Protein backbone atom coordinates (compact mmCIF):
# COMPACT_ATOMS: atom_id res chain seq x y z
CA UNK A 1 -55.73 -133.59 55.53
CA UNK A 2 -55.48 -134.19 51.43
CA UNK A 3 -54.73 -131.68 48.66
CA UNK A 4 -57.13 -131.79 46.10
CA UNK A 5 -55.62 -130.72 42.98
CA UNK A 6 -57.54 -129.71 39.87
CA UNK A 7 -56.43 -130.99 36.52
CA UNK A 8 -56.87 -128.55 33.38
CA UNK A 9 -57.11 -130.06 29.68
CA UNK A 10 -54.46 -128.84 27.64
CA UNK A 11 -58.04 -128.51 24.72
CA UNK A 12 -59.61 -126.22 26.78
CA UNK A 13 -55.99 -123.72 27.50
CA UNK A 14 -55.78 -123.37 24.03
CA UNK A 15 -59.52 -122.92 23.11
CA UNK A 16 -58.82 -119.42 25.52
CA UNK A 17 -58.34 -115.90 24.37
CA UNK A 18 -54.25 -114.99 24.72
CA UNK A 19 -55.05 -111.37 24.46
CA UNK A 20 -54.41 -108.75 21.90
CA UNK A 21 -50.53 -108.83 22.36
CA UNK A 22 -50.82 -112.48 21.11
CA UNK A 23 -52.98 -111.93 18.44
CA UNK A 24 -51.49 -112.38 14.76
CA UNK A 25 -53.87 -109.84 13.14
CA UNK A 26 -53.09 -107.15 15.31
CA UNK A 27 -49.24 -107.74 14.39
CA UNK A 28 -50.34 -107.83 10.61
CA UNK A 29 -52.63 -104.76 10.95
CA UNK A 30 -49.54 -102.38 13.11
CA UNK A 31 -46.92 -103.63 9.87
CA UNK A 32 -49.00 -102.04 7.40
CA UNK A 33 -49.72 -98.99 9.39
CA UNK A 34 -45.99 -98.54 9.72
CA UNK A 35 -45.76 -99.15 6.25
CA UNK A 36 -48.46 -96.52 4.96
CA UNK A 37 -46.57 -93.72 7.25
CA UNK A 38 -43.43 -94.92 6.09
CA UNK A 39 -44.31 -94.29 2.60
CA UNK A 40 -46.44 -91.02 3.36
CA UNK A 41 -43.63 -89.33 4.87
CA UNK A 42 -41.29 -90.31 1.79
CA UNK A 43 -44.09 -88.78 -0.55
CA UNK A 44 -43.79 -85.87 1.48
CA UNK A 45 -40.15 -85.54 1.21
CA UNK A 46 -39.60 -86.21 -2.22
CA UNK A 47 -42.84 -84.15 -3.03
CA UNK A 48 -41.28 -80.92 -1.47
CA UNK A 49 -37.47 -81.60 -3.27
CA UNK A 50 -39.29 -81.85 -6.24
CA UNK A 51 -41.19 -78.59 -6.11
CA UNK A 52 -38.34 -76.59 -4.77
CA UNK A 53 -36.61 -77.78 -8.02
CA UNK A 54 -39.06 -76.30 -10.51
CA UNK A 55 -38.02 -73.34 -8.93
CA UNK A 56 -34.48 -72.89 -9.42
CA UNK A 57 -32.66 -72.65 -11.94
CA UNK A 58 -33.38 -74.52 -15.75
CA UNK A 59 -30.43 -76.98 -16.40
CA UNK A 60 -29.78 -76.19 -19.99
CA UNK A 61 -28.01 -78.81 -22.43
CA UNK A 62 -25.29 -78.17 -24.03
CA UNK A 63 -26.19 -77.66 -27.53
CA UNK A 64 -23.25 -77.09 -29.01
CA UNK A 65 -21.81 -80.30 -27.84
CA UNK A 66 -24.56 -81.93 -30.05
CA UNK A 67 -24.16 -83.65 -33.74
CA UNK A 68 -25.96 -81.77 -36.56
CA UNK A 69 -27.97 -82.94 -39.75
CA UNK A 70 -27.79 -79.96 -42.76
CA UNK A 71 -29.70 -80.64 -45.47
CA UNK A 72 -28.33 -78.82 -48.66
CA UNK A 73 -31.25 -77.16 -50.09
CA UNK A 74 -30.05 -77.33 -53.38
CA UNK A 75 -28.83 -81.00 -53.39
CA UNK A 76 -30.98 -82.20 -51.12
CA UNK A 77 -27.39 -83.99 -49.45
CA UNK A 78 -27.80 -84.33 -45.97
CA UNK A 79 -24.37 -83.79 -43.46
CA UNK A 80 -23.15 -83.90 -40.47
CA UNK A 81 -21.87 -80.60 -38.29
CA UNK A 82 -20.14 -80.55 -35.01
CA UNK A 83 -19.16 -77.09 -33.33
CA UNK A 84 -16.12 -76.85 -31.53
CA UNK A 85 -16.15 -75.40 -28.15
CA UNK A 86 -12.95 -72.97 -26.54
CA UNK A 87 -12.08 -70.93 -24.01
CA UNK A 88 -11.11 -67.15 -24.64
CA UNK A 89 -7.60 -68.26 -24.08
CA UNK A 90 -7.41 -70.91 -26.95
CA UNK A 91 -9.47 -68.57 -29.15
CA UNK A 92 -6.32 -65.74 -28.20
CA UNK A 93 -3.78 -68.19 -28.70
CA UNK A 94 -5.12 -69.81 -32.18
CA UNK A 95 -5.55 -65.92 -33.48
CA UNK A 96 -1.92 -65.23 -32.48
CA UNK A 97 0.99 -65.25 -35.45
CA UNK A 98 3.33 -65.37 -33.41
CA UNK A 99 2.32 -69.07 -32.50
CA UNK A 100 2.84 -70.73 -35.98
CA UNK A 101 1.64 -74.88 -35.12
CA UNK A 102 -1.10 -73.50 -33.40
CA UNK A 103 -2.24 -70.22 -35.53
CA UNK A 104 -5.46 -70.53 -37.51
CA UNK A 105 -5.85 -67.87 -40.18
CA UNK A 106 -9.46 -67.40 -40.31
CA UNK A 107 -11.33 -67.73 -37.44
CA UNK A 108 -15.05 -66.85 -36.83
CA UNK A 109 -15.65 -66.64 -33.43
CA UNK A 110 -19.60 -66.71 -31.32
CA UNK A 111 -19.31 -65.79 -27.78
CA UNK A 112 -23.19 -65.63 -25.43
CA UNK A 113 -24.07 -66.75 -22.44
CA UNK A 114 -25.03 -70.24 -23.12
CA UNK A 115 -26.76 -70.56 -19.62
CA UNK A 116 -29.55 -68.24 -21.26
CA UNK A 117 -29.19 -69.77 -24.72
CA UNK A 118 -32.57 -71.82 -25.30
CA UNK A 119 -32.92 -73.17 -28.69
CA UNK A 120 -34.72 -75.86 -27.98
CA UNK A 121 -37.80 -76.91 -25.47
CA UNK A 122 -36.87 -76.26 -21.76
CA UNK A 123 -39.34 -76.39 -19.40
CA UNK A 124 -39.59 -74.26 -15.77
CA UNK A 125 -42.60 -74.06 -13.65
CA UNK A 126 -44.55 -74.94 -16.37
CA UNK A 127 -43.30 -72.81 -18.78
CA UNK A 128 -41.69 -73.50 -21.76
CA UNK A 129 -38.36 -70.91 -22.02
CA UNK A 130 -37.45 -71.59 -25.92
CA UNK A 131 -36.64 -68.96 -27.51
CA UNK A 132 -37.18 -69.04 -31.47
CA UNK A 133 -34.79 -66.18 -32.50
CA UNK A 134 -32.41 -68.23 -30.79
CA UNK A 135 -33.46 -71.62 -32.27
CA UNK A 136 -33.08 -69.43 -36.23
CA UNK A 137 -29.98 -68.78 -34.64
CA UNK A 138 -28.62 -72.16 -34.01
CA UNK A 139 -29.98 -73.21 -37.62
CA UNK A 140 -27.93 -70.51 -38.87
CA UNK A 141 -24.40 -71.07 -36.96
CA UNK A 142 -25.21 -75.01 -38.69
CA UNK A 143 -25.00 -73.36 -42.04
CA UNK A 144 -21.77 -71.57 -41.57
CA UNK A 145 -20.06 -74.41 -39.78
CA UNK A 146 -21.42 -76.46 -42.90
CA UNK A 147 -20.13 -73.86 -45.43
CA UNK A 148 -16.72 -74.10 -43.12
CA UNK A 149 -16.47 -78.10 -43.36
CA UNK A 150 -16.83 -77.35 -47.00
CA UNK A 151 -14.42 -74.83 -47.67
CA UNK A 152 -11.02 -76.01 -49.45
CA UNK A 153 -9.43 -73.01 -49.91
CA UNK A 154 -5.60 -71.58 -49.21
CA UNK A 155 -6.56 -70.86 -45.13
CA UNK A 156 -7.25 -72.53 -42.20
CA UNK A 157 -10.31 -71.57 -40.84
CA UNK A 158 -12.15 -72.07 -38.08
CA UNK A 159 -15.92 -71.14 -36.05
CA UNK A 160 -14.83 -71.53 -32.20
CA UNK A 161 -17.99 -71.23 -29.50
CA UNK A 162 -16.95 -69.64 -26.69
CA UNK A 163 -19.59 -69.55 -22.92
CA UNK A 164 -19.07 -66.48 -21.76
CA UNK A 165 -21.73 -67.19 -18.19
CA UNK A 166 -20.92 -65.91 -15.23
CA UNK A 167 -18.31 -68.85 -13.04
CA UNK A 168 -15.26 -67.64 -11.39
CA UNK A 169 -13.28 -70.23 -12.76
CA UNK A 170 -13.74 -69.27 -16.09
CA UNK A 171 -12.01 -65.73 -18.19
CA UNK A 172 -14.05 -66.15 -21.30
CA UNK A 173 -15.92 -62.91 -20.29
CA UNK A 174 -12.81 -61.29 -21.04
CA UNK A 175 -13.66 -61.86 -24.75
CA UNK A 176 -15.92 -58.71 -25.17
CA UNK A 177 -13.06 -56.38 -23.31
CA UNK A 178 -10.37 -57.19 -26.87
CA UNK A 179 -11.04 -55.10 -29.19
CA UNK A 180 -9.67 -57.72 -31.15
CA UNK A 181 -12.92 -59.41 -31.19
CA UNK A 182 -15.27 -56.79 -30.93
CA UNK A 183 -13.73 -53.53 -32.46
CA UNK A 184 -13.42 -51.65 -29.09
CA UNK A 185 -17.33 -52.01 -28.90
CA UNK A 186 -18.46 -52.17 -24.70
CA UNK A 187 -20.57 -53.45 -22.59
CA UNK A 188 -21.38 -56.59 -25.03
CA UNK A 189 -23.28 -59.84 -24.16
CA UNK A 190 -22.59 -61.57 -27.54
CA UNK A 191 -20.29 -61.54 -30.36
CA UNK A 192 -20.05 -62.79 -33.48
CA UNK A 193 -17.02 -62.19 -35.28
CA UNK A 194 -14.19 -62.68 -37.72
CA UNK A 195 -10.49 -62.06 -36.73
CA UNK A 196 -7.70 -63.04 -39.48
CA UNK A 197 -4.46 -62.88 -37.01
CA UNK A 198 -4.80 -59.28 -34.79
CA UNK A 199 -6.96 -57.85 -37.12
CA UNK A 200 -10.70 -57.18 -36.62
CA UNK A 201 -12.47 -57.83 -39.42
CA UNK A 202 -15.77 -55.50 -39.15
CA UNK A 203 -17.22 -56.01 -42.76
CA UNK A 204 -15.69 -56.94 -46.67
CA UNK A 205 -16.21 -55.33 -50.17
CA UNK A 206 -17.57 -57.58 -53.00
CA UNK A 207 -16.23 -57.49 -56.42
CA UNK A 208 -19.32 -55.94 -57.41
CA UNK A 209 -18.30 -52.90 -54.64
CA UNK A 210 -20.99 -53.59 -52.02
CA UNK A 211 -20.15 -53.97 -48.72
CA UNK A 212 -21.03 -56.68 -46.33
CA UNK A 213 -21.21 -56.51 -42.26
CA UNK A 214 -19.28 -59.51 -40.72
CA UNK A 215 -20.34 -58.40 -37.03
CA UNK A 216 -22.91 -58.79 -35.02
CA UNK A 217 -23.09 -57.69 -31.57
CA UNK A 218 -26.75 -59.08 -30.59
CA UNK A 219 -28.58 -62.27 -30.44
CA UNK A 220 -30.67 -60.50 -33.00
CA UNK A 221 -31.68 -63.04 -35.30
CA UNK A 222 -32.14 -61.02 -38.45
CA UNK A 223 -28.32 -58.99 -37.73
CA UNK A 224 -26.74 -62.45 -37.14
CA UNK A 225 -28.37 -64.09 -40.67
CA UNK A 226 -27.15 -61.55 -42.39
CA UNK A 227 -23.49 -61.98 -40.64
CA UNK A 228 -23.38 -66.00 -41.41
CA UNK A 229 -24.96 -65.28 -44.81
CA UNK A 230 -21.98 -62.11 -45.84
CA UNK A 231 -19.68 -64.72 -44.15
CA UNK A 232 -20.57 -67.73 -46.58
CA UNK A 233 -20.03 -64.89 -49.40
CA UNK A 234 -16.76 -64.18 -48.70
CA UNK A 235 -15.62 -67.74 -47.82
CA UNK A 236 -16.81 -68.35 -51.10
CA UNK A 237 -14.50 -65.75 -52.44
CA UNK A 238 -11.46 -67.32 -50.66
CA UNK A 239 -11.36 -64.27 -48.24
CA UNK A 240 -10.90 -61.69 -50.91
CA UNK A 241 -11.77 -58.44 -49.87
CA UNK A 242 -12.57 -55.93 -53.01
CA UNK A 243 -11.67 -52.51 -51.19
């Protein structure tokens, strides 16, 4: 008996639906969905990371590594000012008269925890940590450094900035227990002092017999201002003490 074979048209086959797995629009939709999910996950991860950063300690810039411009009010002249940072060991070496090659006659030292020194805008948790007193203190120190830069007398003079933040790799906090730099005062966290060799200079007497203080033991705006102004007088007098 003859077998009947049914011939199917190619056009008819192409017109039939092949199922959802063969649908191009279906796979486009799946791809878009995957991309959206990945973007959402990444957004959550980085969002959480950002929130954790706002609760962490703020990153304080090294304000004493920057260059400043001091404008002389008397002459309107503008002068560049750069600070010099040093460790406690380096300052001790420069104030040791036994080391003639590195010895500096008069050394001003400003030592404090710079991680807590906020003279400029610093945001943490939407709060500006800027301290106006610190801003003024930085300006006074710029004035002091400029005065030292202009000094053209008989001695070598320097201002060193010592960062005393708690760091296991640093011995800078030892400067607070060295009587040569603080007159034997205890439990200090900030000093602005003047040393001549092994001699701590707490004050000096002017030509008109007035005693002027040269030591600050806190981040007090008025105290730092007074010491800096007195230091300027002492520098201009070529470090002559009329005691």
